C-alpha atoms as a PDB file:
ATOM      1  CA  MET A   1     -40.126  49.850  51.878  1.00  0.00           C
ATOM      2  CA  GLN A   2     -39.048  50.963  48.293  1.00  0.00           C
ATOM      3  CA  LYS A   3     -35.556  52.160  48.532  1.00  0.00           C
ATOM      4  CA  LEU A   4     -33.473  54.581  45.846  1.00  0.00           C
ATOM      5  CA  ARG A   5     -29.948  52.804  45.006  1.00  0.00           C
ATOM      6  CA  VAL A   6     -27.453  55.500  43.239  1.00  0.00           C
ATOM      7  CA  PHE A   7     -24.464  54.146  41.920  1.00  0.00           C
ATOM      8  CA  GLN A   8     -21.313  56.145  39.865  1.00  0.00           C
ATOM      9  CA  SER A   9     -20.228  55.125  36.956  1.00  0.00           C
ATOM     10  CA  LEU A  10     -16.566  53.827  36.392  1.00  0.00           C
ATOM     11  CA  TRP A  11     -16.504  55.371  32.770  1.00  0.00           C
ATOM     12  CA  ALA A  12     -17.129  59.035  34.854  1.00  0.00           C
ATOM     13  CA  MET A  13     -14.009  58.199  37.111  1.00  0.00           C
ATOM     14  CA  GLU A  14     -11.838  58.655  33.909  1.00  0.00           C
ATOM     15  CA  ARG A  15      -9.888  62.002  34.100  1.00  0.00           C
ATOM     16  CA  ARG A  16      -8.860  62.171  30.577  1.00  0.00           C
ATOM     17  CA  HIS A  17      -6.950  65.204  31.458  1.00  0.00           C
ATOM     18  CA  PRO A  18      -3.857  66.788  29.354  1.00  0.00           C
ATOM     19  CA  ASP A  19      -1.343  65.840  32.185  1.00  0.00           C
ATOM     20  CA  GLY A  20      -1.988  61.697  31.061  1.00  0.00           C
ATOM     21  CA  PHE A  21      -2.852  60.828  35.086  1.00  0.00           C
ATOM     22  CA  GLU A  22      -5.380  58.004  35.593  1.00  0.00           C
ATOM     23  CA  ARG A  23      -6.445  56.471  38.722  1.00  0.00           C
ATOM     24  CA  SER A  24      -6.386  52.642  38.908  1.00  0.00           C
ATOM     25  CA  LEU A  25      -9.938  50.570  39.124  1.00  0.00           C
ATOM     26  CA  GLU A  26      -8.663  50.073  42.754  1.00  0.00           C
ATOM     27  CA  ASP A  27      -8.548  53.793  43.721  1.00  0.00           C
ATOM     28  CA  ASN A  28     -11.551  54.375  41.962  1.00  0.00           C
ATOM     29  CA  ILE A  29     -13.064  51.780  44.012  1.00  0.00           C
ATOM     30  CA  ALA A  30     -11.824  53.035  47.311  1.00  0.00           C
ATOM     31  CA  ALA A  31     -13.088  56.389  46.303  1.00  0.00           C
ATOM     32  CA  ILE A  32     -16.585  55.599  45.504  1.00  0.00           C
ATOM     33  CA  VAL A  33     -16.588  53.006  48.649  1.00  0.00           C
ATOM     34  CA  ALA A  34     -15.431  56.012  50.923  1.00  0.00           C
ATOM     35  CA  ALA A  35     -18.229  58.592  49.488  1.00  0.00           C
ATOM     36  CA  GLY A  36     -20.822  56.014  50.120  1.00  0.00           C
ATOM     37  CA  PHE A  37     -22.353  54.839  46.890  1.00  0.00           C
ATOM     38  CA  ASP A  38     -24.237  52.050  46.430  1.00  0.00           C
ATOM     39  CA  GLY A  39     -22.642  50.508  43.421  1.00  0.00           C
ATOM     40  CA  VAL A  40     -20.859  50.890  40.240  1.00  0.00           C
ATOM     41  CA  SER A  41     -21.742  51.094  36.757  1.00  0.00           C
ATOM     42  CA  ALA A  42     -19.340  49.199  34.612  1.00  0.00           C
ATOM     43  CA  HIS A  43     -19.215  47.259  31.205  1.00  0.00           C
ATOM     44  CA  TYR A  44     -20.290  43.859  31.413  1.00  0.00           C
ATOM     45  CA  THR A  45     -18.351  42.474  27.763  1.00  0.00           C
ATOM     46  CA  SER A  46     -15.359  41.145  28.952  1.00  0.00           C
ATOM     47  CA  ARG A  47     -15.065  37.854  31.287  1.00  0.00           C
ATOM     48  CA  THR A  48     -11.414  39.365  32.046  1.00  0.00           C
ATOM     49  CA  ASP A  49     -12.474  42.650  33.136  1.00  0.00           C
ATOM     50  CA  VAL A  50     -15.817  41.731  34.890  1.00  0.00           C
ATOM     51  CA  VAL A  51     -13.657  38.840  37.170  1.00  0.00           C
ATOM     52  CA  ARG A  52     -11.129  42.014  37.812  1.00  0.00           C
ATOM     53  CA  LEU A  53     -14.073  44.735  38.803  1.00  0.00           C
ATOM     54  CA  ASN A  54     -15.553  41.681  40.997  1.00  0.00           C
ATOM     55  CA  ARG A  55     -12.013  41.403  42.754  1.00  0.00           C
ATOM     56  CA  ALA A  56     -11.998  44.719  43.582  1.00  0.00           C
ATOM     57  CA  ILE A  57     -15.380  45.095  44.881  1.00  0.00           C
ATOM     58  CA  ARG A  58     -15.536  42.030  46.736  1.00  0.00           C
ATOM     59  CA  GLY A  59     -16.021  43.028  50.479  1.00  0.00           C
ATOM     60  CA  THR A  60     -17.202  46.590  49.616  1.00  0.00           C
ATOM     61  CA  GLY A  61     -21.322  45.556  49.698  1.00  0.00           C
ATOM     62  CA  LEU A  62     -20.800  47.443  46.190  1.00  0.00           C
ATOM     63  CA  LYS A  63     -23.619  46.322  43.820  1.00  0.00           C
ATOM     64  CA  ILE A  64     -23.196  46.468  39.724  1.00  0.00           C
ATOM     65  CA  GLU A  65     -24.881  48.274  36.694  1.00  0.00           C
ATOM     66  CA  GLY A  66     -23.656  45.747  33.999  1.00  0.00           C
ATOM     67  CA  VAL A  67     -23.575  47.807  30.602  1.00  0.00           C
ATOM     68  CA  CYS A  68     -23.561  45.888  26.949  1.00  0.00           C
ATOM     69  CA  PHE A  69     -23.471  47.214  23.440  1.00  0.00           C
ATOM     70  CA  PRO A  70     -25.094  44.351  21.294  1.00  0.00           C
ATOM     71  CA  ARG A  71     -25.736  44.322  17.492  1.00  0.00           C
ATOM     72  CA  THR A  72     -27.686  40.715  17.728  1.00  0.00           C
ATOM     73  CA  VAL A  73     -29.728  38.922  19.986  1.00  0.00           C
ATOM     74  CA  GLU A  74     -26.729  36.221  20.255  1.00  0.00           C
ATOM     75  CA  ASP A  75     -24.326  39.239  21.110  1.00  0.00           C
ATOM     76  CA  LEU A  76     -26.159  39.312  24.631  1.00  0.00           C
ATOM     77  CA  ARG A  77     -25.586  35.976  25.564  1.00  0.00           C
ATOM     78  CA  LEU A  78     -22.242  36.411  27.149  1.00  0.00           C
ATOM     79  CA  THR A  79     -23.352  39.265  29.468  1.00  0.00           C
ATOM     80  CA  VAL A  80     -26.115  37.581  30.540  1.00  0.00           C
ATOM     81  CA  GLU A  81     -23.963  34.551  31.116  1.00  0.00           C
ATOM     82  CA  LEU A  82     -21.783  37.140  33.199  1.00  0.00           C
ATOM     83  CA  ALA A  83     -24.214  38.769  34.762  1.00  0.00           C
ATOM     84  CA  SER A  84     -25.416  35.059  36.159  1.00  0.00           C
ATOM     85  CA  GLU A  85     -22.092  33.841  37.177  1.00  0.00           C
ATOM     86  CA  PHE A  86     -21.378  37.612  38.876  1.00  0.00           C
ATOM     87  CA  PRO A  87     -24.534  39.127  40.204  1.00  0.00           C
ATOM     88  CA  VAL A  88     -25.820  42.404  38.801  1.00  0.00           C
ATOM     89  CA  SER A  89     -28.347  44.687  40.010  1.00  0.00           C
ATOM     90  CA  HIS A  90     -29.337  44.592  36.410  1.00  0.00           C
ATOM     91  CA  ILE A  91     -28.309  44.893  32.680  1.00  0.00           C
ATOM     92  CA  ASP A  92     -27.831  48.195  30.891  1.00  0.00           C
ATOM     93  CA  LEU A  93     -28.382  47.218  27.150  1.00  0.00           C
ATOM     94  CA  GLN A  94     -27.157  49.844  24.551  1.00  0.00           C
ATOM     95  CA  ALA A  95     -28.500  48.490  21.167  1.00  0.00           C
ATOM     96  CA  ASP A  96     -25.696  49.618  18.944  1.00  0.00           C
ATOM     97  CA  ILE A  97     -27.882  49.270  15.895  1.00  0.00           C
ATOM     98  CA  ARG A  98     -30.027  51.967  14.054  1.00  0.00           C
ATOM     99  CA  PRO A  99     -32.639  50.475  11.832  1.00  0.00           C
ATOM    100  CA  ARG A 100     -34.711  52.661   9.614  1.00  0.00           C
ATOM    101  CA  ARG A 101     -37.808  50.661  10.440  1.00  0.00           C
ATOM    102  CA  VAL A 102     -39.658  50.209  13.474  1.00  0.00           C
ATOM    103  CA  GLU A 103     -40.917  46.856  12.537  1.00  0.00           C
ATOM    104  CA  GLU A 104     -36.753  45.763  11.672  1.00  0.00           C
ATOM    105  CA  CYS A 105     -36.264  46.074  15.994  1.00  0.00           C
ATOM    106  CA  LEU A 106     -38.779  43.832  17.126  1.00  0.00           C
ATOM    107  CA  PRO A 107     -37.134  40.484  16.656  1.00  0.00           C
ATOM    108  CA  LEU A 108     -34.596  42.094  18.443  1.00  0.00           C
ATOM    109  CA  LEU A 109     -36.085  43.530  21.320  1.00  0.00           C
ATOM    110  CA  ASP A 110     -38.196  40.444  21.439  1.00  0.00           C
ATOM    111  CA  GLY A 111     -35.311  38.067  21.492  1.00  0.00           C
ATOM    112  CA  TRP A 112     -33.210  40.179  24.492  1.00  0.00           C
ATOM    113  CA  MET A 113     -36.229  40.073  26.444  1.00  0.00           C
ATOM    114  CA  ARG A 114     -36.418  36.350  26.054  1.00  0.00           C
ATOM    115  CA  LEU A 115     -32.934  35.820  26.624  1.00  0.00           C
ATOM    116  CA  ALA A 116     -33.112  37.987  29.887  1.00  0.00           C
ATOM    117  CA  GLU A 117     -35.732  35.653  31.282  1.00  0.00           C
ATOM    118  CA  THR A 118     -33.220  32.955  31.482  1.00  0.00           C
ATOM    119  CA  ALA A 119     -31.371  34.669  33.644  1.00  0.00           C
ATOM    120  CA  ASP A 120     -33.668  36.056  35.227  1.00  0.00           C
ATOM    121  CA  VAL A 121     -31.970  39.366  36.050  1.00  0.00           C
ATOM    122  CA  PRO A 122     -33.461  42.978  34.942  1.00  0.00           C
ATOM    123  CA  VAL A 123     -32.752  44.021  31.268  1.00  0.00           C
ATOM    124  CA  TYR A 124     -33.469  47.816  30.385  1.00  0.00           C
ATOM    125  CA  ILE A 125     -32.832  49.076  26.996  1.00  0.00           C
ATOM    126  CA  GLU A 126     -31.048  52.401  27.180  1.00  0.00           C
ATOM    127  CA  THR A 127     -32.266  55.386  26.033  1.00  0.00           C
ATOM    128  CA  HIS A 128     -29.389  57.097  24.546  1.00  0.00           C
ATOM    129  CA  ARG A 129     -27.876  58.340  20.764  1.00  0.00           C
ATOM    130  CA  HIS A 130     -26.665  56.445  17.713  1.00  0.00           C
ATOM    131  CA  ARG A 131     -28.570  53.714  19.339  1.00  0.00           C
ATOM    132  CA  ILE A 132     -31.673  51.676  18.199  1.00  0.00           C
ATOM    133  CA  THR A 133     -33.016  54.592  20.698  1.00  0.00           C
ATOM    134  CA  SER A 134     -31.082  57.330  19.529  1.00  0.00           C
ATOM    135  CA  ASP A 135     -34.915  59.413  18.050  1.00  0.00           C
ATOM    136  CA  LEU A 136     -36.963  59.880  20.199  1.00  0.00           C
ATOM    137  CA  LEU A 137     -40.157  59.499  18.236  1.00  0.00           C
ATOM    138  CA  PHE A 138     -38.877  56.600  17.064  1.00  0.00           C
ATOM    139  CA  THR A 139     -38.829  55.179  20.407  1.00  0.00           C
ATOM    140  CA  LEU A 140     -41.975  56.171  21.138  1.00  0.00           C
ATOM    141  CA  ASP A 141     -43.222  54.359  18.063  1.00  0.00           C
ATOM    142  CA  LEU A 142     -41.482  51.562  19.322  1.00  0.00           C
ATOM    143  CA  LEU A 143     -43.111  51.550  22.332  1.00  0.00           C
ATOM    144  CA  LYS A 144     -46.624  51.844  20.702  1.00  0.00           C
ATOM    145  CA  LEU A 145     -45.827  48.267  19.413  1.00  0.00           C
ATOM    146  CA  ARG A 146     -44.019  47.109  22.766  1.00  0.00           C
ATOM    147  CA  PRO A 147     -46.149  49.139  24.922  1.00  0.00           C
ATOM    148  CA  ASP A 148     -44.349  47.433  28.313  1.00  0.00           C
ATOM    149  CA  LEU A 149     -40.785  47.493  26.709  1.00  0.00           C
ATOM    150  CA  PRO A 150     -38.518  48.262  29.990  1.00  0.00           C
ATOM    151  CA  LEU A 151     -36.177  51.370  29.807  1.00  0.00           C
ATOM    152  CA  LEU A 152     -33.578  53.029  31.206  1.00  0.00           C
ATOM    153  CA  ALA A 153     -34.272  56.640  30.975  1.00  0.00           C
ATOM    154  CA  ASP A 154     -31.163  58.502  30.327  1.00  0.00           C
ATOM    155  CA  LEU A 155     -32.977  61.739  29.204  1.00  0.00           C
ATOM    156  CA  SER A 156     -29.858  63.969  28.129  1.00  0.00           C
ATOM    157  CA  HIS A 157     -29.883  62.489  25.186  1.00  0.00           C
ATOM    158  CA  TYR A 158     -33.065  63.312  24.287  1.00  0.00           C
ATOM    159  CA  LEU A 159     -33.173  66.868  25.302  1.00  0.00           C
ATOM    160  CA  VAL A 160     -30.185  67.893  23.274  1.00  0.00           C
ATOM    161  CA  GLY A 161     -31.175  65.447  20.307  1.00  0.00           C
ATOM    162  CA  ARG A 162     -34.337  66.846  19.976  1.00  0.00           C
ATOM    163  CA  GLU A 163     -33.375  70.765  21.032  1.00  0.00           C
ATOM    164  CA  PHE A 164     -35.910  71.264  23.189  1.00  0.00           C
ATOM    165  CA  ALA A 165     -36.366  75.005  24.206  1.00  0.00           C
ATOM    166  CA  VAL A 166     -37.091  76.432  27.450  1.00  0.00           C
ATOM    167  CA  PRO A 167     -39.902  77.063  28.711  1.00  0.00           C
ATOM    168  CA  VAL A 168     -40.216  73.096  27.236  1.00  0.00           C
ATOM    169  CA  GLU A 169     -43.777  73.016  25.314  1.00  0.00           C
ATOM    170  CA  GLU A 170     -46.538  70.432  26.681  1.00  0.00           C
ATOM    171  CA  GLU A 171     -46.266  68.132  23.536  1.00  0.00           C
ATOM    172  CA  SER A 172     -42.603  67.564  24.560  1.00  0.00           C
ATOM    173  CA  HIS A 173     -43.415  67.545  28.373  1.00  0.00           C
ATOM    174  CA  ALA A 174     -45.921  64.455  27.157  1.00  0.00           C
ATOM    175  CA  GLN A 175     -43.434  62.841  25.027  1.00  0.00           C
ATOM    176  CA  ILE A 176     -40.658  62.224  27.881  1.00  0.00           C
ATOM    177  CA  ARG A 177     -43.335  61.105  30.403  1.00  0.00           C
ATOM    178  CA  ARG A 178     -44.156  58.686  27.916  1.00  0.00           C
ATOM    179  CA  ILE A 179     -40.458  56.994  28.084  1.00  0.00           C
ATOM    180  CA  LEU A 180     -40.551  57.806  32.071  1.00  0.00           C
ATOM    181  CA  ASP A 181     -43.613  55.440  32.421  1.00  0.00           C
ATOM    182  CA  ASN A 182     -41.449  52.739  31.441  1.00  0.00           C
ATOM    183  CA  ALA A 183     -38.389  53.286  33.133  1.00  0.00           C
ATOM    184  CA  GLY A 184     -37.012  50.642  35.434  1.00  0.00           C
ATOM    185  CA  ALA A 185     -34.089  52.767  36.248  1.00  0.00           C
ATOM    186  CA  PHE A 186     -32.193  55.900  35.434  1.00  0.00           C
ATOM    187  CA  HIS A 187     -28.699  57.383  34.553  1.00  0.00           C
ATOM    188  CA  GLY A 188     -28.106  61.285  35.725  1.00  0.00           C
ATOM    189  CA  ARG A 189     -26.776  63.863  33.944  1.00  0.00           C
ATOM    190  CA  ILE A 190     -27.954  67.189  33.407  1.00  0.00           C
ATOM    191  CA  GLY A 191     -27.558  68.492  29.908  1.00  0.00           C
ATOM    192  CA  SER A 192     -29.199  71.659  28.014  1.00  0.00           C
ATOM    193  CA  SER A 193     -30.598  71.807  23.813  1.00  0.00           C
ATOM    194  CA  GLN A 194     -27.289  72.452  22.815  1.00  0.00           C
ATOM    195  CA  GLN A 195     -25.098  70.245  25.202  1.00  0.00           C
ATOM    196  CA  ILE A 196     -25.235  66.737  26.159  1.00  0.00           C
ATOM    197  CA  GLN A 197     -23.528  67.618  29.901  1.00  0.00           C
ATOM    198  CA  ILE A 198     -23.220  71.098  31.269  1.00  0.00           C
ATOM    199  CA  GLU A 199     -22.070  72.210  35.034  1.00  0.00           C
ATOM    200  CA  MET A 200     -25.467  71.764  36.850  1.00  0.00           C
ATOM    201  CA  SER A 201     -23.388  74.238  39.993  1.00  0.00           C
ATOM    202  CA  PHE A 202     -23.216  76.881  37.282  1.00  0.00           C
ATOM    203  CA  PRO A 203     -26.309  79.500  38.387  1.00  0.00           C
ATOM    204  CA  GLN A 204     -27.076  79.921  34.687  1.00  0.00           C
ATOM    205  CA  HIS A 205     -27.959  76.229  34.324  1.00  0.00           C
ATOM    206  CA  ARG A 206     -30.606  76.264  36.760  1.00  0.00           C
ATOM    207  CA  PRO A 207     -33.632  76.208  34.400  1.00  0.00           C
ATOM    208  CA  TRP A 208     -31.554  72.817  33.143  1.00  0.00           C
ATOM    209  CA  VAL A 209     -31.412  71.488  36.443  1.00  0.00           C
ATOM    210  CA  ASP A 210     -34.513  72.357  37.567  1.00  0.00           C
ATOM    211  CA  LEU A 211     -36.528  70.730  34.444  1.00  0.00           C
ATOM    212  CA  PHE A 212     -34.674  67.705  35.220  1.00  0.00           C
ATOM    213  CA  LEU A 213     -35.350  67.768  38.587  1.00  0.00           C
ATOM    214  CA  ASP A 214     -39.299  67.679  37.815  1.00  0.00           C
ATOM    215  CA  TRP A 215     -38.836  64.890  34.731  1.00  0.00           C
ATOM    216  CA  TRP A 216     -37.266  62.752  37.589  1.00  0.00           C
ATOM    217  CA  ALA A 217     -39.668  63.147  40.211  1.00  0.00           C
ATOM    218  CA  TYR A 218     -42.478  62.405  37.698  1.00  0.00           C
ATOM    219  CA  GLY A 219     -40.233  59.229  37.040  1.00  0.00           C
ATOM    220  CA  PHE A 220     -39.840  58.156  40.377  1.00  0.00           C
ATOM    221  CA  ARG A 221     -43.649  58.467  41.191  1.00  0.00           C
ATOM    222  CA  ARG A 222     -44.361  56.322  38.086  1.00  0.00           C
ATOM    223  CA  TRP A 223     -41.987  54.019  38.841  1.00  0.00           C
ATOM    224  CA  ARG A 224     -43.159  53.828  42.850  1.00  0.00           C
ATOM    225  CA  SER A 225     -46.282  53.245  41.712  1.00  0.00           C
ATOM    226  CA  ARG A 226     -45.740  50.433  39.660  1.00  0.00           C
ATOM    227  CA  SER A 227     -43.587  48.610  41.362  1.00  0.00           C
ATOM    228  CA  PRO A 228     -43.374  46.261  44.696  1.00  0.00           C
ATOM    229  CA  GLY A 229     -43.257  47.513  48.053  1.00  0.00           C
ATOM    230  CA  ASP A 230     -39.769  46.131  48.622  1.00  0.00           C
ATOM    231  CA  ALA A 231     -38.042  47.091  45.270  1.00  0.00           C
ATOM    232  CA  GLU A 232     -34.847  48.894  44.661  1.00  0.00           C
ATOM    233  CA  LEU A 233     -34.469  51.951  42.104  1.00  0.00           C
ATOM    234  CA  VAL A 234     -31.118  52.641  40.747  1.00  0.00           C
ATOM    235  CA  MET A 235     -29.809  55.808  39.322  1.00  0.00           C
ATOM    236  CA  THR A 236     -26.244  56.284  37.955  1.00  0.00           C
ATOM    237  CA  CYS A 237     -24.661  59.184  38.193  1.00  0.00           C
ATOM    238  CA  GLU A 238     -22.504  59.142  34.646  1.00  0.00           C
ATOM    239  CA  LEU A 239     -21.231  62.492  34.304  1.00  0.00           C
ATOM    240  CA  GLY A 240     -18.741  61.602  31.721  1.00  0.00           C
ATOM    241  CA  PRO A 241     -15.204  62.854  30.786  1.00  0.00           C
ATOM    242  CA  ARG A 242     -14.329  64.500  27.435  1.00  0.00           C
ATOM    243  CA  PRO A 243     -15.798  64.885  25.185  1.00  0.00           C
ATOM    244  CA  TYR A 244     -18.541  64.900  27.274  1.00  0.00           C
ATOM    245  CA  ALA A 245     -17.448  67.316  29.970  1.00  0.00           C
ATOM    246  CA  ILE A 246     -16.920  70.791  29.139  1.00  0.00           C
ATOM    247  CA  THR A 247     -12.962  71.773  29.277  1.00  0.00           C
ATOM    248  CA  ASP A 248     -11.282  74.545  29.115  1.00  0.00           C
ATOM    249  CA  ARG A 249      -8.672  75.450  26.035  1.00  0.00           C
ATOM    250  CA  ALA A 250      -6.085  73.376  27.902  1.00  0.00           C
ATOM    251  CA  GLY A 251      -8.325  70.350  27.633  1.00  0.00           C
ATOM    252  CA  ASN A 252      -9.239  70.153  31.560  1.00  0.00           C
ATOM    253  CA  ASP A 253     -12.617  70.053  33.132  1.00  0.00           C
ATOM    254  CA  THR A 254     -14.165  73.479  33.767  1.00  0.00           C
ATOM    255  CA  THR A 255     -16.010  71.815  36.973  1.00  0.00           C
ATOM    256  CA  ASP A 256     -14.437  68.909  39.319  1.00  0.00           C
ATOM    257  CA  ARG A 257     -16.769  66.258  37.933  1.00  0.00           C
ATOM    258  CA  TRP A 258     -16.704  64.228  41.300  1.00  0.00           C
ATOM    259  CA  VAL A 259     -17.769  66.889  43.595  1.00  0.00           C
ATOM    260  CA  GLU A 260     -20.646  67.560  40.680  1.00  0.00           C
ATOM    261  CA  ALA A 261     -21.686  63.828  41.210  1.00  0.00           C
ATOM    262  CA  LEU A 262     -21.761  64.322  44.869  1.00  0.00           C
ATOM    263  CA  LEU A 263     -24.060  67.411  44.577  1.00  0.00           C
ATOM    264  CA  LEU A 264     -26.129  65.441  41.742  1.00  0.00           C
ATOM    265  CA  ARG A 265     -26.475  62.644  44.101  1.00  0.00           C
ATOM    266  CA  GLN A 266     -28.202  64.514  46.746  1.00  0.00           C
ATOM    267  CA  MET A 267     -30.295  66.481  44.213  1.00  0.00           C
ATOM    268  CA  VAL A 268     -31.544  62.519  43.537  1.00  0.00           C
ATOM    269  CA  ARG A 269     -31.831  61.804  47.136  1.00  0.00           C
ATOM    270  CA  ASP A 270     -33.972  64.810  48.059  1.00  0.00           C
ATOM    271  CA  VAL A 271     -36.373  64.317  44.657  1.00  0.00           C
ATOM    272  CA  TRP A 272     -36.686  60.729  45.694  1.00  0.00           C
ATOM    273  CA  ALA A 273     -37.498  61.496  49.680  1.00  0.00           C
ATOM    274  CA  GLY A 274     -40.233  64.099  48.123  1.00  0.00           C
ATOM    275  CA  SER A 275     -41.631  60.973  45.646  1.00  0.00           C
ATOM    276  CA  ALA A 276     -42.604  58.781  48.536  1.00  0.00           C
ATOM    277  CA  ASP A 277     -46.139  60.224  48.512  1.00  0.00           C
ATOM    278  CA  VAL A 278     -47.812  58.350  45.769  1.00  0.00           C
ATOM    279  CA  SER A 279     -51.547  58.901  46.630  1.00  0.00           C
ATOM    280  CA  GLY A 280     -51.495  61.252  43.464  1.00  0.00           C
ATOM    281  CA  ASN A 281     -50.839  64.468  45.614  1.00  0.00           C
ATOM    282  CA  GLU A 282     -48.313  66.470  43.977  1.00  0.00           C
ATOM    283  CA  MET A 283     -44.442  67.709  45.145  1.00  0.00           C
ATOM    284  CA  PRO A 284     -44.751  71.382  45.836  1.00  0.00           C
ATOM    285  CA  GLY A 285     -43.271  73.127  42.889  1.00  0.00           C
ATOM    286  CA  VAL A 286     -43.670  70.125  40.515  1.00  0.00           C
ATOM    287  CA  ARG A 287     -46.429  69.484  38.408  1.00  0.00           C
ATOM    288  CA  VAL A 288     -46.690  65.888  38.245  1.00  0.00           C
ATOM    289  CA  PRO A 289     -49.677  65.216  34.872  1.00  0.00           C
ATOM    290  CA  ASP A 290     -51.423  62.115  34.525  1.00  0.00           C
ATOM    291  CA  PRO A 291     -49.566  59.370  32.540  1.00  0.00           C
ATOM    292  CA  VAL A 292     -49.575  59.244  28.616  1.00  0.00           C
ATOM    293  CA  THR A 293     -51.929  56.311  27.245  1.00  0.00           C
END
């Protein structure tokens, strides 16, 4: 049976409040375990940090999303080696380069995919601002040349980057669906046309919440339709601290991000449950069009 696994980002556990207090890694892991998350998202770029993380989660059953930021093909090697020694669910690759021409990206993408094959671990290229996938249209051009490129979909970056207006026009929906057609994992955050991360519990933000739930419903169904019957899909709750989080005059978050992460997890679980019918029938209230070719 296909399963949804919901992870919590360790970056999102940072407070960055004016009082200066930060919880220890061990305290954060304890809270994540107690809340019933399935795993954590953490940087896999330092052996010291990875060893400490794996020591902290020992015996908890938590899995790991390993995040890295390579600029060259060889930059990925350490992360792949760490992932082989300290297993991960997948590698989230944020390509920290910004070529002006699509063709310049291909040797890097091809090299990363070849290197990933040596470790037998999924590597997904994250859709993220100030990365190789920064611009939506540029990424769509990449997909024309590498139509099977595995992506990790963080749609908030494209919503705010392209400044979509609500209601979103069909052309933009089609572009987002093309990204979702290749999504092997997801990051969960809700943004607007102007902010990368909004307070999802505020009633005035409901149109944006509904937009993301619709997009995720499509993405989950597409993932189910092309994945084995025993596959697991990872969605990471990634409600980051400031400057992602909106703060008040004193510099404190306007909402409790931990509480909102639990709310987001339940929303995602509900969308997942509704996506179980992959026969082509639509979820009530959610339009799932044909994929873009």
